[in-house]
């Protein structure tokens, strides 16, 4: 499951390789909105990662 922290890390990795365009930032902001609309059950997330 994607978290805000993982999404931010992916954005920074992309920025280091290719730079960040306005289109990439729009996609990032959209993804943040989606993540915030659907709260994550942290206990469930930890079980999935193990």
N, C-alpha and C. Protein backbone atom coordinates (compact mmCIF):
# COMPACT_ATOMS: atom_id res chain seq x y z
N UNK A 1 0.85 -1.18 0.00
CA UNK A 1 0.00 0.00 0.00
C UNK A 1 0.89 1.24 0.00
N UNK A 2 0.52 2.20 -0.80
CA UNK A 2 1.27 3.44 -0.89
C UNK A 2 0.93 4.34 0.29
N UNK A 3 1.92 4.96 0.87
CA UNK A 3 1.72 5.94 1.94
C UNK A 3 2.24 7.28 1.45
N UNK A 4 1.92 8.33 2.20
CA UNK A 4 2.40 9.66 1.81
C UNK A 4 3.93 9.69 1.80
N UNK A 5 4.54 9.00 2.76
CA UNK A 5 6.00 8.99 2.85
C UNK A 5 6.61 8.30 1.62
N UNK A 6 6.04 7.17 1.22
CA UNK A 6 6.55 6.46 0.05
C UNK A 6 6.33 7.27 -1.22
N UNK A 7 5.20 7.92 -1.31
CA UNK A 7 4.90 8.75 -2.47
C UNK A 7 5.90 9.89 -2.58
N UNK A 8 6.20 10.54 -1.45
CA UNK A 8 7.16 11.64 -1.44
C UNK A 8 8.55 11.14 -1.84
N UNK A 9 8.94 9.97 -1.33
CA UNK A 9 10.24 9.41 -1.68
C UNK A 9 10.32 9.14 -3.18
N UNK A 10 9.24 8.62 -3.76
CA UNK A 10 9.23 8.37 -5.20
C UNK A 10 9.34 9.67 -5.99
N UNK A 11 8.67 10.73 -5.49
CA UNK A 11 8.77 12.03 -6.15
C UNK A 11 10.21 12.54 -6.13
N UNK A 12 10.86 12.42 -4.99
CA UNK A 12 12.24 12.89 -4.87
C UNK A 12 13.19 12.05 -5.74
N UNK A 13 12.96 10.75 -5.83
CA UNK A 13 13.78 9.90 -6.70
C UNK A 13 13.61 10.34 -8.16
N UNK A 14 12.36 10.61 -8.54
CA UNK A 14 12.07 11.05 -9.90
C UNK A 14 12.73 12.41 -10.15
N UNK A 15 12.65 13.30 -9.16
CA UNK A 15 13.24 14.64 -9.29
C UNK A 15 14.74 14.54 -9.52
N UNK A 16 15.40 13.65 -8.78
CA UNK A 16 16.85 13.51 -8.93
C UNK A 16 17.24 13.03 -10.32
N UNK A 17 16.42 12.15 -10.91
CA UNK A 17 16.75 11.59 -12.22
C UNK A 17 16.31 12.48 -13.38
N UNK A 18 15.08 13.01 -13.30
CA UNK A 18 14.50 13.67 -14.47
C UNK A 18 14.07 15.11 -14.24
N UNK A 19 14.07 15.57 -12.99
CA UNK A 19 13.52 16.87 -12.70
C UNK A 19 12.02 16.74 -12.48
N UNK A 20 11.38 17.83 -12.10
CA UNK A 20 9.95 17.80 -11.83
C UNK A 20 9.26 18.84 -12.70
N UNK A 21 8.30 18.37 -13.47
CA UNK A 21 7.53 19.28 -14.32
C UNK A 21 6.21 19.61 -13.63
N UNK A 22 5.50 20.54 -14.20
CA UNK A 22 4.20 20.91 -13.66
C UNK A 22 3.25 19.71 -13.71
N UNK A 23 3.35 18.91 -14.76
CA UNK A 23 2.50 17.74 -14.90
C UNK A 23 2.77 16.72 -13.79
N UNK A 24 4.04 16.51 -13.47
CA UNK A 24 4.40 15.57 -12.40
C UNK A 24 3.86 16.07 -11.06
N UNK A 25 3.96 17.37 -10.82
CA UNK A 25 3.43 17.93 -9.57
C UNK A 25 1.92 17.79 -9.49
N UNK A 26 1.22 17.94 -10.60
CA UNK A 26 -0.23 17.77 -10.62
C UNK A 26 -0.59 16.33 -10.26
N UNK A 27 0.16 15.38 -10.81
CA UNK A 27 -0.09 13.97 -10.50
C UNK A 27 0.19 13.69 -9.02
N UNK A 28 1.27 14.29 -8.50
CA UNK A 28 1.63 14.11 -7.09
C UNK A 28 0.52 14.65 -6.19
N UNK A 29 0.04 15.84 -6.48
CA UNK A 29 -1.03 16.45 -5.67
C UNK A 29 -2.31 15.62 -5.74
N UNK A 30 -2.62 15.10 -6.93
CA UNK A 30 -3.81 14.24 -7.08
C UNK A 30 -3.65 12.98 -6.25
N UNK A 31 -2.47 12.37 -6.29
CA UNK A 31 -2.23 11.14 -5.53
C UNK A 31 -2.34 11.40 -4.02
N UNK A 32 -1.84 12.55 -3.56
CA UNK A 32 -1.97 12.90 -2.14
C UNK A 32 -3.44 13.02 -1.75
N UNK A 33 -4.24 13.66 -2.59
CA UNK A 33 -5.67 13.80 -2.30
C UNK A 33 -6.34 12.43 -2.19
N UNK A 34 -5.99 11.54 -3.08
CA UNK A 34 -6.58 10.20 -3.06
C UNK A 34 -6.18 9.47 -1.79
N UNK A 35 -4.90 9.55 -1.42
CA UNK A 35 -4.44 8.89 -0.20
C UNK A 35 -5.14 9.43 1.04
N UNK A 36 -5.38 10.72 1.05
CA UNK A 36 -6.02 11.34 2.22
C UNK A 36 -7.51 11.04 2.28
N UNK A 37 -8.14 10.75 1.15
CA UNK A 37 -9.56 10.40 1.14
C UNK A 37 -9.80 9.02 1.73
N UNK A 38 -8.83 8.14 1.58
CA UNK A 38 -8.98 6.76 2.04
C UNK A 38 -7.95 6.48 3.12
N UNK A 39 -8.31 6.75 4.38
CA UNK A 39 -7.35 6.55 5.48
C UNK A 39 -6.86 5.11 5.53
N UNK A 40 -5.62 4.97 5.93
CA UNK A 40 -4.98 3.65 5.99
C UNK A 40 -5.11 3.08 7.39
N UNK A 41 -5.43 1.81 7.46
CA UNK A 41 -5.39 1.10 8.74
C UNK A 41 -3.93 0.71 8.97
N UNK A 42 -3.24 1.43 9.84
CA UNK A 42 -1.80 1.23 10.05
C UNK A 42 -1.47 -0.20 10.50
N UNK A 43 -2.31 -0.82 11.32
CA UNK A 43 -2.06 -2.18 11.75
C UNK A 43 -2.10 -3.14 10.57
N UNK A 44 -3.06 -2.95 9.71
CA UNK A 44 -3.20 -3.79 8.52
C UNK A 44 -1.99 -3.61 7.60
N UNK A 45 -1.50 -2.38 7.47
CA UNK A 45 -0.37 -2.09 6.61
C UNK A 45 0.88 -2.79 7.10
N UNK A 46 1.13 -2.77 8.39
CA UNK A 46 2.32 -3.41 8.95
C UNK A 46 2.27 -4.92 8.72
N UNK A 47 1.10 -5.52 8.82
CA UNK A 47 0.97 -6.96 8.59
C UNK A 47 1.26 -7.31 7.14
N UNK A 48 0.83 -6.46 6.20
CA UNK A 48 1.06 -6.71 4.77
C UNK A 48 2.54 -6.64 4.44
N UNK A 49 3.29 -5.73 5.07
CA UNK A 49 4.71 -5.56 4.77
C UNK A 49 5.55 -6.69 5.33
N UNK A 50 5.10 -7.36 6.38
CA UNK A 50 5.88 -8.45 7.00
C UNK A 50 5.70 -9.73 6.31
